[in-house]
Amino acid sequence: AGIKIQSDVRLQFLTDQDILMVMENIKLKSLRGEKELRETDPEQGSPGKQESQQDSSGAASREESEDIPDQEMEELRRQLQRPIRVRYVQGRVERIEAEKDDPQWSVNIKRSP
């Protein structure tokens, strides 16, 4: 179980190094499914069943998703729409700044790739 987040991201360059990032058009879906180990074909060394997607742990998950009603997730969406400021120097992110009252879970989602 979990939530799938899909959005557009707007980047506004304040200076050559300072960028304001805002998530827009946020769509939230609830995920329900079970993880299972992916079967492999020992002779081929490749997956035998490909009905599910593999995650970084090597487990596959079969998931169904459904839209979450706006009224139920409005607070989550509101927090995700808050901007963060990124300091980008010579191809590297040096610092990420969020508003003091932006919840840590929201900042973590925004800083993920």
C-alpha atoms as a PDB file:
ATOM      1  CA  ALA A   1       0.000   0.000   0.000  1.00  0.00           C
ATOM      2  CA  GLY A   2       1.195   3.501  -0.697  1.00  0.00           C
ATOM      3  CA  ILE A   3       0.660   6.657  -2.685  1.00  0.00           C
ATOM      4  CA  LYS A   4       1.790   7.434  -6.225  1.00  0.00           C
ATOM      5  CA  ILE A   5       2.539  11.114  -6.809  1.00  0.00           C
ATOM      6  CA  GLN A   6       2.624  12.595 -10.287  1.00  0.00           C
ATOM      7  CA  SER A   7       3.193  16.295 -10.977  1.00  0.00           C
ATOM      8  CA  ASP A   8       4.716  18.961 -13.143  1.00  0.00           C
ATOM      9  CA  VAL A   9       7.669  20.852 -11.675  1.00  0.00           C
ATOM     10  CA  ARG A  10       8.225  24.538 -12.349  1.00  0.00           C
ATOM     11  CA  LEU A  11      11.738  25.903 -11.918  1.00  0.00           C
ATOM     12  CA  GLN A  12      12.206  29.645 -11.574  1.00  0.00           C
ATOM     13  CA  PHE A  13      15.808  30.833 -11.763  1.00  0.00           C
ATOM     14  CA  LEU A  14      16.212  33.632  -9.239  1.00  0.00           C
ATOM     15  CA  THR A  15      19.955  33.935  -9.964  1.00  0.00           C
ATOM     16  CA  ASP A  16      22.472  31.800 -11.846  1.00  0.00           C
ATOM     17  CA  GLN A  17      22.708  29.569  -8.769  1.00  0.00           C
ATOM     18  CA  ASP A  18      19.401  29.972  -6.914  1.00  0.00           C
ATOM     19  CA  ILE A  19      16.317  28.168  -8.166  1.00  0.00           C
ATOM     20  CA  LEU A  20      12.784  28.165  -6.810  1.00  0.00           C
ATOM     21  CA  MET A  21      11.084  24.801  -7.378  1.00  0.00           C
ATOM     22  CA  VAL A  22       7.308  24.349  -7.193  1.00  0.00           C
ATOM     23  CA  MET A  23       5.277  21.189  -7.793  1.00  0.00           C
ATOM     24  CA  GLU A  24       2.140  21.871  -9.871  1.00  0.00           C
ATOM     25  CA  ASN A  25      -0.795  19.851 -11.236  1.00  0.00           C
ATOM     26  CA  ILE A  26      -0.293  17.258  -8.516  1.00  0.00           C
ATOM     27  CA  LYS A  27      -2.142  13.966  -9.004  1.00  0.00           C
ATOM     28  CA  LEU A  28      -2.330  11.446  -6.181  1.00  0.00           C
ATOM     29  CA  LYS A  29      -3.246   7.787  -6.496  1.00  0.00           C
ATOM     30  CA  SER A  30      -3.521   5.160  -3.794  1.00  0.00           C
ATOM     31  CA  LEU A  31      -1.609   1.964  -4.496  1.00  0.00           C
ATOM     32  CA  ARG A  32      -2.668  -1.411  -3.251  1.00  0.00           C
ATOM     33  CA  GLY A  33      -0.722  -4.498  -4.035  1.00  0.00           C
ATOM     34  CA  GLU A  34       1.559  -7.215  -2.821  1.00  0.00           C
ATOM     35  CA  LYS A  35       5.262  -7.534  -3.362  1.00  0.00           C
ATOM     36  CA  GLU A  36       6.542 -10.842  -4.583  1.00  0.00           C
ATOM     37  CA  LEU A  37       9.921 -12.186  -5.579  1.00  0.00           C
ATOM     38  CA  ARG A  38      10.419 -12.157  -9.315  1.00  0.00           C
ATOM     39  CA  GLU A  39      10.749 -15.571 -10.943  1.00  0.00           C
ATOM     40  CA  THR A  40      13.766 -16.109 -13.179  1.00  0.00           C
ATOM     41  CA  ASP A  41      14.452 -18.641 -15.867  1.00  0.00           C
ATOM     42  CA  PRO A  42      17.673 -20.395 -14.753  1.00  0.00           C
ATOM     43  CA  GLU A  43      18.686 -21.256 -18.338  1.00  0.00           C
ATOM     44  CA  GLN A  44      18.114 -17.774 -19.715  1.00  0.00           C
ATOM     45  CA  GLY A  45      19.070 -15.803 -16.614  1.00  0.00           C
ATOM     46  CA  SER A  46      16.176 -13.485 -17.339  1.00  0.00           C
ATOM     47  CA  PRO A  47      12.811 -12.943 -15.723  1.00  0.00           C
ATOM     48  CA  GLY A  48      10.276 -15.646 -16.477  1.00  0.00           C
ATOM     49  CA  LYS A  49       7.146 -13.676 -15.611  1.00  0.00           C
ATOM     50  CA  GLN A  50       6.984 -10.030 -16.476  1.00  0.00           C
ATOM     51  CA  GLU A  51       3.512  -9.090 -15.312  1.00  0.00           C
ATOM     52  CA  SER A  52       4.821  -6.926 -12.524  1.00  0.00           C
ATOM     53  CA  GLN A  53       7.421  -4.213 -12.150  1.00  0.00           C
ATOM     54  CA  GLN A  54      10.650  -4.732 -10.245  1.00  0.00           C
ATOM     55  CA  ASP A  55      11.687  -2.293  -7.557  1.00  0.00           C
ATOM     56  CA  SER A  56      15.183  -1.472  -6.296  1.00  0.00           C
ATOM     57  CA  SER A  57      15.114  -4.330  -3.763  1.00  0.00           C
ATOM     58  CA  GLY A  58      14.718  -6.925  -6.509  1.00  0.00           C
ATOM     59  CA  ALA A  59      11.140  -7.658  -5.490  1.00  0.00           C
ATOM     60  CA  ALA A  60       8.308  -7.223  -7.921  1.00  0.00           C
ATOM     61  CA  SER A  61       4.998  -5.701  -7.028  1.00  0.00           C
ATOM     62  CA  ARG A  62       1.583  -6.089  -8.552  1.00  0.00           C
ATOM     63  CA  GLU A  63      -0.259  -2.935  -7.830  1.00  0.00           C
ATOM     64  CA  GLU A  64      -3.589  -1.468  -8.661  1.00  0.00           C
ATOM     65  CA  SER A  65      -4.036   2.256  -8.423  1.00  0.00           C
ATOM     66  CA  GLU A  66      -7.035   4.463  -8.040  1.00  0.00           C
ATOM     67  CA  ASP A  67      -7.477   8.220  -7.864  1.00  0.00           C
ATOM     68  CA  ILE A  68      -7.756   9.637  -4.378  1.00  0.00           C
ATOM     69  CA  PRO A  69     -10.683  12.036  -3.990  1.00  0.00           C
ATOM     70  CA  ASP A  70      -9.560  15.661  -3.808  1.00  0.00           C
ATOM     71  CA  GLN A  71     -11.231  16.331  -0.472  1.00  0.00           C
ATOM     72  CA  GLU A  72      -9.342  13.471   1.199  1.00  0.00           C
ATOM     73  CA  MET A  73      -5.884  14.579   0.060  1.00  0.00           C
ATOM     74  CA  GLU A  74      -6.167  18.353  -0.075  1.00  0.00           C
ATOM     75  CA  GLU A  75      -3.783  18.853   2.875  1.00  0.00           C
ATOM     76  CA  LEU A  76      -1.147  16.574   1.302  1.00  0.00           C
ATOM     77  CA  ARG A  77      -1.462  18.425  -1.998  1.00  0.00           C
ATOM     78  CA  ARG A  78      -1.289  21.810  -0.247  1.00  0.00           C
ATOM     79  CA  GLN A  79       1.971  20.888   1.500  1.00  0.00           C
ATOM     80  CA  LEU A  80       3.536  19.526  -1.692  1.00  0.00           C
ATOM     81  CA  GLN A  81       2.730  22.762  -3.549  1.00  0.00           C
ATOM     82  CA  ARG A  82       4.895  24.795  -1.177  1.00  0.00           C
ATOM     83  CA  PRO A  83       8.098  25.970  -2.888  1.00  0.00           C
ATOM     84  CA  ILE A  84      11.643  25.002  -2.015  1.00  0.00           C
ATOM     85  CA  ARG A  85      14.805  26.891  -2.879  1.00  0.00           C
ATOM     86  CA  VAL A  86      17.719  25.027  -4.425  1.00  0.00           C
ATOM     87  CA  ARG A  87      21.329  26.259  -4.570  1.00  0.00           C
ATOM     88  CA  TYR A  88      22.925  24.807  -7.725  1.00  0.00           C
ATOM     89  CA  VAL A  89      26.647  25.404  -8.288  1.00  0.00           C
ATOM     90  CA  GLN A  90      28.744  23.913 -11.105  1.00  0.00           C
ATOM     91  CA  GLY A  91      26.364  21.018 -11.746  1.00  0.00           C
ATOM     92  CA  ARG A  92      25.832  20.132  -8.073  1.00  0.00           C
ATOM     93  CA  VAL A  93      23.019  20.798  -5.656  1.00  0.00           C
ATOM     94  CA  GLU A  94      24.741  22.433  -2.695  1.00  0.00           C
ATOM     95  CA  ARG A  95      21.741  23.253  -0.551  1.00  0.00           C
ATOM     96  CA  ILE A  96      17.989  22.795  -0.370  1.00  0.00           C
ATOM     97  CA  GLU A  97      15.981  25.250   1.715  1.00  0.00           C
ATOM     98  CA  ALA A  98      12.341  24.865   2.672  1.00  0.00           C
ATOM     99  CA  GLU A  99      10.009  27.020   4.707  1.00  0.00           C
ATOM    100  CA  LYS A 100      10.422  26.389   8.443  1.00  0.00           C
ATOM    101  CA  ASP A 101       6.917  24.982   8.826  1.00  0.00           C
ATOM    102  CA  ASP A 102       7.075  22.758   5.705  1.00  0.00           C
ATOM    103  CA  PRO A 103       6.773  19.186   7.117  1.00  0.00           C
ATOM    104  CA  GLN A 104       9.853  16.980   6.772  1.00  0.00           C
ATOM    105  CA  TRP A 105       7.924  14.351   4.744  1.00  0.00           C
ATOM    106  CA  SER A 106       7.005  17.053   2.220  1.00  0.00           C
ATOM    107  CA  VAL A 107      10.612  18.283   1.934  1.00  0.00           C
ATOM    108  CA  ASN A 108      11.846  14.700   1.486  1.00  0.00           C
ATOM    109  CA  ILE A 109       9.445  14.100  -1.398  1.00  0.00           C
ATOM    110  CA  LYS A 110      10.470  17.338  -3.110  1.00  0.00           C
ATOM    111  CA  ARG A 111      14.166  16.604  -2.812  1.00  0.00           C
ATOM    112  CA  SER A 112      13.886  13.105  -4.247  1.00  0.00           C
ATOM    113  CA  PRO A 113      14.865  12.539  -7.893  1.00  0.00           C
END
